[in-house]
């Protein structure tokens, strides 16, 4: 049985189960507001319900992220604000509650990673999030962002090199370079 044998409603439900959380995480980078990001994702899935399944099924992930990105950018353009995700929003996505000292270490490491990620260019940040948070392929990232596959690969490669170098630096140096 392949995906085309699955009833449309079940196909939509499976897509929702698989992509809702990564899409919300992606959208919140643009909207800076979790409720607004959820609205963007809801609109994305409403558009999926109305879309021609046959034309998008083979590239579902890229299609969803493209629609989500375009809708989130529309909101960004309307409100003219896009900043890094706050620690509060990032913490809201934590699933488990570890021991207090482990939680402090995790938060420090997470904050440091966000600080370092924030030093990258906007394009680098976006492709890194799509690759590692959403699990998209280079081709899917290319379709979602409008960048060439080669450019996506280059951006990811240079971003990872820069992240590795900066994560090896003392935290104070990263904080200075972000200012």
Protein backbone atom coordinates (compact mmCIF):
# COMPACT_ATOMS: atom_id res chain seq x y z
CA UNK A 1 0.00 0.00 0.00
CA UNK A 2 1.49 3.35 -0.95
CA UNK A 3 0.54 6.88 0.13
CA UNK A 4 -1.88 7.36 -2.73
CA UNK A 5 -3.92 4.41 -1.41
CA UNK A 6 -4.39 6.19 1.94
CA UNK A 7 -7.65 8.13 2.20
CA UNK A 8 -7.16 11.90 1.92
CA UNK A 9 -8.22 12.62 5.52
CA UNK A 10 -5.78 10.01 6.84
CA UNK A 11 -3.01 11.45 4.66
CA UNK A 12 -3.67 14.94 6.07
CA UNK A 13 -3.72 13.54 9.63
CA UNK A 14 -0.39 11.76 9.05
CA UNK A 15 1.15 14.95 7.65
CA UNK A 16 -0.14 16.90 10.64
CA UNK A 17 1.29 14.38 13.09
CA UNK A 18 4.68 14.41 11.36
CA UNK A 19 5.13 18.08 10.51
CA UNK A 20 3.09 20.20 12.93
CA UNK A 21 5.76 20.62 15.60
CA UNK A 22 8.68 21.25 13.19
CA UNK A 23 6.57 23.77 11.30
CA UNK A 24 5.62 25.61 14.50
CA UNK A 25 9.29 25.73 15.52
CA UNK A 26 10.16 27.07 12.09
CA UNK A 27 7.36 29.65 12.02
CA UNK A 28 8.13 30.99 15.50
CA UNK A 29 11.52 32.18 14.20
CA UNK A 30 9.67 34.59 11.94
CA UNK A 31 6.71 35.54 14.08
CA UNK A 32 8.41 35.60 17.51
CA UNK A 33 5.05 34.57 18.95
CA UNK A 34 4.06 30.96 19.58
CA UNK A 35 0.33 31.59 19.08
CA UNK A 36 0.94 33.42 15.84
CA UNK A 37 3.25 30.62 14.70
CA UNK A 38 0.52 28.09 15.43
CA UNK A 39 -1.89 30.21 13.36
CA UNK A 40 0.60 30.17 10.48
CA UNK A 41 0.85 26.38 10.70
CA UNK A 42 -2.91 26.03 10.92
CA UNK A 43 -3.22 28.11 7.75
CA UNK A 44 -0.55 25.93 6.13
CA UNK A 45 -2.55 22.79 6.86
CA UNK A 46 -5.77 24.40 5.68
CA UNK A 47 -4.03 25.08 2.38
CA UNK A 48 -2.87 21.46 2.33
CA UNK A 49 -6.47 20.33 2.69
CA UNK A 50 -7.40 22.39 -0.39
CA UNK A 51 -4.31 21.48 -2.42
CA UNK A 52 -4.15 18.89 -5.17
CA UNK A 53 -2.59 15.91 -3.42
CA UNK A 54 -1.23 14.42 -6.63
CA UNK A 55 0.89 17.48 -7.40
CA UNK A 56 2.46 17.87 -3.95
CA UNK A 57 2.59 14.40 -2.43
CA UNK A 58 6.07 13.58 -3.73
CA UNK A 59 7.45 16.80 -2.23
CA UNK A 60 5.20 17.22 0.77
CA UNK A 61 7.83 18.40 3.28
CA UNK A 62 9.23 21.06 0.96
CA UNK A 63 5.71 22.20 0.03
CA UNK A 64 4.64 22.53 3.68
CA UNK A 65 7.77 24.45 4.68
CA UNK A 66 7.46 26.72 1.63
CA UNK A 67 3.83 27.58 2.40
CA UNK A 68 4.65 28.04 6.10
CA UNK A 69 7.66 30.23 5.29
CA UNK A 70 5.71 32.41 2.87
CA UNK A 71 2.85 32.90 5.33
CA UNK A 72 5.27 33.66 8.19
CA UNK A 73 7.17 36.12 6.00
CA UNK A 74 3.89 37.83 5.12
CA UNK A 75 3.30 38.36 8.84
CA UNK A 76 6.89 39.51 9.33
CA UNK A 77 6.59 42.04 6.55
CA UNK A 78 3.33 43.25 8.00
CA UNK A 79 4.73 43.69 11.50
CA UNK A 80 8.39 44.46 10.59
CA UNK A 81 9.92 42.44 13.36
CA UNK A 82 12.01 39.31 13.41
CA UNK A 83 14.41 38.52 16.25
CA UNK A 84 15.93 35.39 17.67
CA UNK A 85 13.70 32.99 19.56
CA UNK A 86 13.64 33.90 23.24
CA UNK A 87 14.81 31.46 25.90
CA UNK A 88 11.21 31.26 27.13
CA UNK A 89 9.91 30.15 23.74
CA UNK A 90 12.77 27.69 23.31
CA UNK A 91 12.18 26.24 26.77
CA UNK A 92 8.48 25.77 25.96
CA UNK A 93 9.50 23.08 23.47
CA UNK A 94 11.42 21.00 26.01
CA UNK A 95 9.66 17.70 26.47
CA UNK A 96 11.33 16.18 29.53
CA UNK A 97 12.11 17.70 32.91
CA UNK A 98 15.53 16.41 34.03
CA UNK A 99 17.18 16.88 37.42
CA UNK A 100 17.67 20.56 38.39
CA UNK A 101 21.45 20.58 37.85
CA UNK A 102 21.09 18.82 34.50
CA UNK A 103 18.39 21.30 33.54
CA UNK A 104 20.69 24.23 34.40
CA UNK A 105 23.49 22.72 32.31
CA UNK A 106 21.09 22.04 29.44
CA UNK A 107 19.75 25.60 29.55
CA UNK A 108 23.26 27.05 29.62
CA UNK A 109 24.31 24.90 26.67
CA UNK A 110 21.10 25.74 24.82
CA UNK A 111 21.51 29.47 25.47
CA UNK A 112 25.12 29.28 24.32
CA UNK A 113 24.13 27.41 21.15
CA UNK A 114 21.42 30.01 20.42
CA UNK A 115 23.92 32.81 21.01
CA UNK A 116 26.37 31.19 18.61
CA UNK A 117 23.60 30.43 16.09
CA UNK A 118 22.56 34.07 16.32
CA UNK A 119 25.96 35.16 15.00
CA UNK A 120 25.33 33.40 11.69
CA UNK A 121 23.75 35.11 8.71
CA UNK A 122 19.97 34.92 8.37
CA UNK A 123 20.26 32.45 5.47
CA UNK A 124 22.66 30.23 7.43
CA UNK A 125 20.36 30.22 10.46
CA UNK A 126 17.39 29.29 8.32
CA UNK A 127 19.05 26.40 6.49
CA UNK A 128 20.56 25.04 9.71
CA UNK A 129 17.14 25.04 11.38
CA UNK A 130 15.47 23.43 8.39
CA UNK A 131 18.16 20.74 8.22
CA UNK A 132 18.53 19.91 11.89
CA UNK A 133 15.23 20.92 13.50
CA UNK A 134 12.92 19.98 10.66
CA UNK A 135 15.05 17.20 9.16
CA UNK A 136 14.64 18.40 5.57
CA UNK A 137 16.95 17.30 2.76
CA UNK A 138 19.03 19.82 0.84
CA UNK A 139 16.57 19.57 -2.07
CA UNK A 140 13.60 20.21 0.26
CA UNK A 141 15.40 23.16 1.85
CA UNK A 142 16.15 24.49 -1.63
CA UNK A 143 12.48 24.26 -2.60
CA UNK A 144 11.33 25.86 0.67
CA UNK A 145 13.76 28.78 0.56
CA UNK A 146 14.22 29.34 -3.16
CA UNK A 147 18.00 28.89 -2.83
CA UNK A 148 19.88 26.49 -5.09
CA UNK A 149 20.79 23.08 -3.69
CA UNK A 150 24.46 23.98 -4.10
CA UNK A 151 23.95 27.20 -2.15
CA UNK A 152 22.09 25.30 0.60
CA UNK A 153 25.00 22.86 0.87
CA UNK A 154 27.52 25.69 1.00
CA UNK A 155 25.54 27.60 3.63
CA UNK A 156 25.19 24.51 5.83
CA UNK A 157 28.86 23.61 5.44
CA UNK A 158 30.15 27.08 6.29
CA UNK A 159 27.63 27.50 9.12
CA UNK A 160 28.70 24.23 10.75
CA UNK A 161 32.37 25.21 10.47
CA UNK A 162 31.63 28.55 12.07
CA UNK A 163 29.46 26.99 14.79
CA UNK A 164 32.18 24.48 15.68
CA UNK A 165 34.80 27.20 15.87
CA UNK A 166 32.65 29.51 17.97
CA UNK A 167 31.44 26.76 20.31
CA UNK A 168 35.10 26.02 21.04
CA UNK A 169 35.67 29.66 22.03
CA UNK A 170 35.01 30.88 25.56
CA UNK A 171 31.39 32.08 26.04
CA UNK A 172 32.53 35.67 26.66
CA UNK A 173 34.13 35.90 23.20
CA UNK A 174 30.89 34.76 21.53
CA UNK A 175 28.88 37.30 23.55
CA UNK A 176 31.26 40.07 22.41
CA UNK A 177 31.04 39.03 18.74
CA UNK A 178 27.22 39.00 18.90
CA UNK A 179 27.12 42.58 20.21
